[in-house]
Amino acid sequence: MKNTKAVGNIGEQIAAEYLENKGYTVLERNAVYGGCEVDIISECFVGINGEIMSRAKSGNGSSSFFSKLVKCKKEGNRVIVFCEVKTRYGEEYGSGLEAVTPYKMGRYITAAKSYCMQKHLTNEDVRFDVIEVSDKEVLHIENAFTENDARYPKNLH
């Protein structure tokens, strides 16, 4: 029997490193908002052409971190990304995206609303991604779902 919690933790670490290597900043991991645990909450700046704009650290370069951040804010939008990580060590359970049910989507949306309210974020773009980690690859599915994809239990209406 495989230890799914340990495998999941390793997958989440791989996913966090993957995001950081792509220019995202991981804000929180395994955070609970609105009664739902979110695997990774990160932020990125998306440029005019849809590319992720890296937040390079100041140092030897000619531009300071602050001036690069100002440039990012002028040329791109800040996006708060809520990531569900699915780690697969075989194909018997299907893809990670298939495992994210409409109910789970609804829980993530509730968590995002709670997060934004607690952090006093009113005009931020929010995105829901799924990251599948397997022994073969890391597959990052941006905009994996929207609020329209979610389903809530009938007793919540």
C-alpha atoms as a PDB file:
ATOM      1  CA  MET A   1       0.000   0.000   0.000  1.00  0.00           C
ATOM      2  CA  LYS A   2       1.362   3.379  -0.993  1.00  0.00           C
ATOM      3  CA  ASN A   3       1.427   6.285   1.438  1.00  0.00           C
ATOM      4  CA  THR A   4      -0.752   8.745  -0.496  1.00  0.00           C
ATOM      5  CA  LYS A   5      -0.166  11.619   1.954  1.00  0.00           C
ATOM      6  CA  ALA A   6       3.621  11.377   1.543  1.00  0.00           C
ATOM      7  CA  VAL A   7       3.292  11.094  -2.243  1.00  0.00           C
ATOM      8  CA  GLY A   8       0.953  14.110  -2.243  1.00  0.00           C
ATOM      9  CA  ASN A   9       3.397  16.171  -0.170  1.00  0.00           C
ATOM     10  CA  ILE A  10       6.217  15.376  -2.592  1.00  0.00           C
ATOM     11  CA  GLY A  11       3.975  16.288  -5.528  1.00  0.00           C
ATOM     12  CA  GLU A  12       3.061  19.606  -3.922  1.00  0.00           C
ATOM     13  CA  GLN A  13       6.745  20.416  -3.347  1.00  0.00           C
ATOM     14  CA  ILE A  14       7.535  19.611  -6.988  1.00  0.00           C
ATOM     15  CA  ALA A  15       4.591  21.760  -8.122  1.00  0.00           C
ATOM     16  CA  ALA A  16       5.688  24.708  -5.945  1.00  0.00           C
ATOM     17  CA  GLU A  17       9.228  24.548  -7.326  1.00  0.00           C
ATOM     18  CA  TYR A  18       7.842  24.270 -10.850  1.00  0.00           C
ATOM     19  CA  LEU A  19       5.762  27.426 -10.362  1.00  0.00           C
ATOM     20  CA  GLU A  20       8.678  29.342  -8.870  1.00  0.00           C
ATOM     21  CA  ASN A  21      10.864  28.341 -11.817  1.00  0.00           C
ATOM     22  CA  LYS A  22       8.196  29.741 -14.166  1.00  0.00           C
ATOM     23  CA  GLY A  23       8.275  33.123 -12.376  1.00  0.00           C
ATOM     24  CA  TYR A  24       5.394  32.687  -9.930  1.00  0.00           C
ATOM     25  CA  THR A  25       5.681  33.612  -6.272  1.00  0.00           C
ATOM     26  CA  VAL A  26       4.245  31.032  -3.895  1.00  0.00           C
ATOM     27  CA  LEU A  27       2.275  32.899  -1.243  1.00  0.00           C
ATOM     28  CA  GLU A  28       0.876  30.015   0.805  1.00  0.00           C
ATOM     29  CA  ARG A  29       0.762  26.232   0.809  1.00  0.00           C
ATOM     30  CA  ASN A  30      -1.909  24.022   2.344  1.00  0.00           C
ATOM     31  CA  ALA A  31      -3.834  27.131   3.359  1.00  0.00           C
ATOM     32  CA  VAL A  32      -7.382  26.854   4.669  1.00  0.00           C
ATOM     33  CA  TYR A  33      -9.899  29.508   3.643  1.00  0.00           C
ATOM     34  CA  GLY A  34     -13.655  29.156   3.740  1.00  0.00           C
ATOM     35  CA  GLY A  35     -13.285  25.647   5.135  1.00  0.00           C
ATOM     36  CA  CYS A  36     -11.328  24.393   2.100  1.00  0.00           C
ATOM     37  CA  GLU A  37      -7.647  23.540   1.976  1.00  0.00           C
ATOM     38  CA  VAL A  38      -5.900  25.020  -1.044  1.00  0.00           C
ATOM     39  CA  ASP A  39      -2.723  23.213  -2.065  1.00  0.00           C
ATOM     40  CA  ILE A  40      -0.889  26.283  -3.408  1.00  0.00           C
ATOM     41  CA  ILE A  41      -1.796  29.959  -3.559  1.00  0.00           C
ATOM     42  CA  SER A  42       0.595  31.884  -5.755  1.00  0.00           C
ATOM     43  CA  GLU A  43       0.804  35.105  -7.693  1.00  0.00           C
ATOM     44  CA  CYS A  44       2.167  36.003 -11.064  1.00  0.00           C
ATOM     45  CA  PHE A  45       2.218  38.999 -13.328  1.00  0.00           C
ATOM     46  CA  VAL A  46       0.862  38.291 -16.773  1.00  0.00           C
ATOM     47  CA  GLY A  47       2.249  40.506 -19.505  1.00  0.00           C
ATOM     48  CA  ILE A  48       0.409  42.026 -22.413  1.00  0.00           C
ATOM     49  CA  ASN A  49       1.198  39.020 -24.625  1.00  0.00           C
ATOM     50  CA  GLY A  50       0.080  36.524 -21.960  1.00  0.00           C
ATOM     51  CA  GLU A  51       3.598  35.634 -20.794  1.00  0.00           C
ATOM     52  CA  ILE A  52       4.500  35.301 -17.124  1.00  0.00           C
ATOM     53  CA  MET A  53       6.699  38.192 -16.101  1.00  0.00           C
ATOM     54  CA  SER A  54       9.435  37.166 -13.695  1.00  0.00           C
ATOM     55  CA  ARG A  55      10.005  39.183 -10.553  1.00  0.00           C
ATOM     56  CA  ALA A  56      13.798  39.236 -10.722  1.00  0.00           C
ATOM     57  CA  LYS A  57      15.681  40.129  -7.553  1.00  0.00           C
ATOM     58  CA  SER A  58      17.839  43.231  -7.461  1.00  0.00           C
ATOM     59  CA  GLY A  59      21.562  42.770  -7.476  1.00  0.00           C
ATOM     60  CA  ASN A  60      24.105  42.980 -10.245  1.00  0.00           C
ATOM     61  CA  GLY A  61      21.560  44.060 -12.866  1.00  0.00           C
ATOM     62  CA  SER A  62      20.948  47.625 -13.888  1.00  0.00           C
ATOM     63  CA  SER A  63      17.347  47.662 -12.635  1.00  0.00           C
ATOM     64  CA  SER A  64      16.266  47.408  -9.024  1.00  0.00           C
ATOM     65  CA  PHE A  65      13.587  45.027  -7.819  1.00  0.00           C
ATOM     66  CA  PHE A  66      11.289  48.002  -7.201  1.00  0.00           C
ATOM     67  CA  SER A  67      11.655  49.393 -10.728  1.00  0.00           C
ATOM     68  CA  LYS A  68      11.028  45.929 -12.215  1.00  0.00           C
ATOM     69  CA  LEU A  69       7.937  45.541 -10.039  1.00  0.00           C
ATOM     70  CA  VAL A  70       6.641  48.939 -11.188  1.00  0.00           C
ATOM     71  CA  LYS A  71       7.274  47.881 -14.795  1.00  0.00           C
ATOM     72  CA  CYS A  72       5.378  44.612 -14.196  1.00  0.00           C
ATOM     73  CA  LYS A  73       2.448  46.506 -12.753  1.00  0.00           C
ATOM     74  CA  LYS A  74       2.415  48.884 -15.714  1.00  0.00           C
ATOM     75  CA  GLU A  75       2.775  46.211 -18.387  1.00  0.00           C
ATOM     76  CA  GLY A  76       0.998  43.273 -16.803  1.00  0.00           C
ATOM     77  CA  ASN A  77      -1.769  42.243 -14.486  1.00  0.00           C
ATOM     78  CA  ARG A  78      -1.293  40.618 -11.109  1.00  0.00           C
ATOM     79  CA  VAL A  79      -3.084  37.290 -10.940  1.00  0.00           C
ATOM     80  CA  ILE A  80      -3.720  35.307  -7.757  1.00  0.00           C
ATOM     81  CA  VAL A  81      -3.583  31.629  -8.690  1.00  0.00           C
ATOM     82  CA  PHE A  82      -5.277  28.905  -6.649  1.00  0.00           C
ATOM     83  CA  CYS A  83      -3.691  25.555  -7.561  1.00  0.00           C
ATOM     84  CA  GLU A  84      -5.011  22.084  -6.916  1.00  0.00           C
ATOM     85  CA  VAL A  85      -2.137  19.602  -7.151  1.00  0.00           C
ATOM     86  CA  LYS A  86      -2.833  16.021  -8.165  1.00  0.00           C
ATOM     87  CA  THR A  87       0.017  13.553  -7.906  1.00  0.00           C
ATOM     88  CA  ARG A  88      -0.251  10.371  -9.923  1.00  0.00           C
ATOM     89  CA  TYR A  89       2.030   7.366  -9.700  1.00  0.00           C
ATOM     90  CA  GLY A  90       0.052   5.277 -12.148  1.00  0.00           C
ATOM     91  CA  GLU A  91      -2.759   5.572 -14.641  1.00  0.00           C
ATOM     92  CA  GLU A  92      -5.327   3.505 -12.754  1.00  0.00           C
ATOM     93  CA  TYR A  93      -7.118   6.541 -11.258  1.00  0.00           C
ATOM     94  CA  GLY A  94      -7.259   8.690 -14.396  1.00  0.00           C
ATOM     95  CA  SER A  95      -5.832  12.138 -14.882  1.00  0.00           C
ATOM     96  CA  GLY A  96      -5.477  14.699 -12.143  1.00  0.00           C
ATOM     97  CA  LEU A  97      -7.885  17.040 -13.897  1.00  0.00           C
ATOM     98  CA  GLU A  98     -10.553  14.326 -13.982  1.00  0.00           C
ATOM     99  CA  ALA A  99     -10.208  14.014 -10.203  1.00  0.00           C
ATOM    100  CA  VAL A 100     -11.177  17.653  -9.647  1.00  0.00           C
ATOM    101  CA  THR A 101     -14.926  17.325  -9.280  1.00  0.00           C
ATOM    102  CA  PRO A 102     -17.430  20.165  -9.676  1.00  0.00           C
ATOM    103  CA  TYR A 103     -17.890  20.023  -5.894  1.00  0.00           C
ATOM    104  CA  LYS A 104     -14.112  20.478  -5.362  1.00  0.00           C
ATOM    105  CA  MET A 105     -14.215  23.385  -7.817  1.00  0.00           C
ATOM    106  CA  GLY A 106     -16.940  24.979  -5.724  1.00  0.00           C
ATOM    107  CA  ARG A 107     -14.855  24.555  -2.580  1.00  0.00           C
ATOM    108  CA  TYR A 108     -11.878  26.258  -4.272  1.00  0.00           C
ATOM    109  CA  ILE A 109     -14.066  29.141  -5.404  1.00  0.00           C
ATOM    110  CA  THR A 110     -15.379  29.555  -1.855  1.00  0.00           C
ATOM    111  CA  ALA A 111     -11.787  29.513  -0.591  1.00  0.00           C
ATOM    112  CA  ALA A 112     -10.744  32.141  -3.156  1.00  0.00           C
ATOM    113  CA  LYS A 113     -13.585  34.439  -2.136  1.00  0.00           C
ATOM    114  CA  SER A 114     -12.673  34.013   1.534  1.00  0.00           C
ATOM    115  CA  TYR A 115      -8.970  34.621   0.806  1.00  0.00           C
ATOM    116  CA  CYS A 116      -9.672  37.813  -1.134  1.00  0.00           C
ATOM    117  CA  MET A 117     -12.004  39.082   1.579  1.00  0.00           C
ATOM    118  CA  GLN A 118      -9.504  38.366   4.381  1.00  0.00           C
ATOM    119  CA  LYS A 119      -6.627  39.958   2.431  1.00  0.00           C
ATOM    120  CA  HIS A 120      -8.766  42.960   1.382  1.00  0.00           C
ATOM    121  CA  LEU A 121      -8.222  42.245  -2.305  1.00  0.00           C
ATOM    122  CA  THR A 122     -10.989  43.770  -4.371  1.00  0.00           C
ATOM    123  CA  ASN A 123      -9.661  44.202  -7.905  1.00  0.00           C
ATOM    124  CA  GLU A 124      -7.319  41.245  -8.319  1.00  0.00           C
ATOM    125  CA  ASP A 125      -7.632  38.762 -11.126  1.00  0.00           C
ATOM    126  CA  VAL A 126      -8.093  35.220  -9.799  1.00  0.00           C
ATOM    127  CA  ARG A 127      -7.378  31.998 -11.661  1.00  0.00           C
ATOM    128  CA  PHE A 128      -7.884  28.328 -10.858  1.00  0.00           C
ATOM    129  CA  ASP A 129      -5.188  25.939 -12.076  1.00  0.00           C
ATOM    130  CA  VAL A 130      -4.585  22.233 -11.746  1.00  0.00           C
ATOM    131  CA  ILE A 131      -1.075  20.821 -11.681  1.00  0.00           C
ATOM    132  CA  GLU A 132      -0.662  17.125 -12.407  1.00  0.00           C
ATOM    133  CA  VAL A 133       2.580  15.634 -11.137  1.00  0.00           C
ATOM    134  CA  SER A 134       3.549  12.173 -12.347  1.00  0.00           C
ATOM    135  CA  ASP A 135       6.689  10.144 -12.699  1.00  0.00           C
ATOM    136  CA  LYS A 136       6.799  11.304 -16.329  1.00  0.00           C
ATOM    137  CA  GLU A 137       6.058  15.026 -16.221  1.00  0.00           C
ATOM    138  CA  VAL A 138       4.562  18.077 -14.558  1.00  0.00           C
ATOM    139  CA  LEU A 139       1.501  19.260 -16.448  1.00  0.00           C
ATOM    140  CA  HIS A 140       0.272  22.744 -15.571  1.00  0.00           C
ATOM    141  CA  ILE A 141      -3.311  23.353 -16.678  1.00  0.00           C
ATOM    142  CA  GLU A 142      -3.977  27.083 -16.465  1.00  0.00           C
ATOM    143  CA  ASN A 143      -7.603  28.209 -16.152  1.00  0.00           C
ATOM    144  CA  ALA A 144      -8.583  24.598 -15.476  1.00  0.00           C
ATOM    145  CA  PHE A 145     -11.996  25.713 -14.273  1.00  0.00           C
ATOM    146  CA  THR A 146     -14.143  28.766 -13.638  1.00  0.00           C
ATOM    147  CA  GLU A 147     -16.964  29.583 -11.276  1.00  0.00           C
ATOM    148  CA  ASN A 148     -19.454  28.387 -13.905  1.00  0.00           C
ATOM    149  CA  ASP A 149     -17.975  24.869 -13.718  1.00  0.00           C
ATOM    150  CA  ALA A 150     -18.622  24.545  -9.988  1.00  0.00           C
ATOM    151  CA  ARG A 151     -21.507  22.763  -8.350  1.00  0.00           C
ATOM    152  CA  TYR A 152     -22.591  23.281  -4.786  1.00  0.00           C
ATOM    153  CA  PRO A 153     -24.563  20.895  -2.571  1.00  0.00           C
ATOM    154  CA  LYS A 154     -28.300  21.641  -2.625  1.00  0.00           C
ATOM    155  CA  ASN A 155     -28.365  22.321   1.118  1.00  0.00           C
ATOM    156  CA  LEU A 156     -26.165  25.414   0.638  1.00  0.00           C
ATOM    157  CA  HIS A 157     -28.712  27.277  -1.526  1.00  0.00           C
END
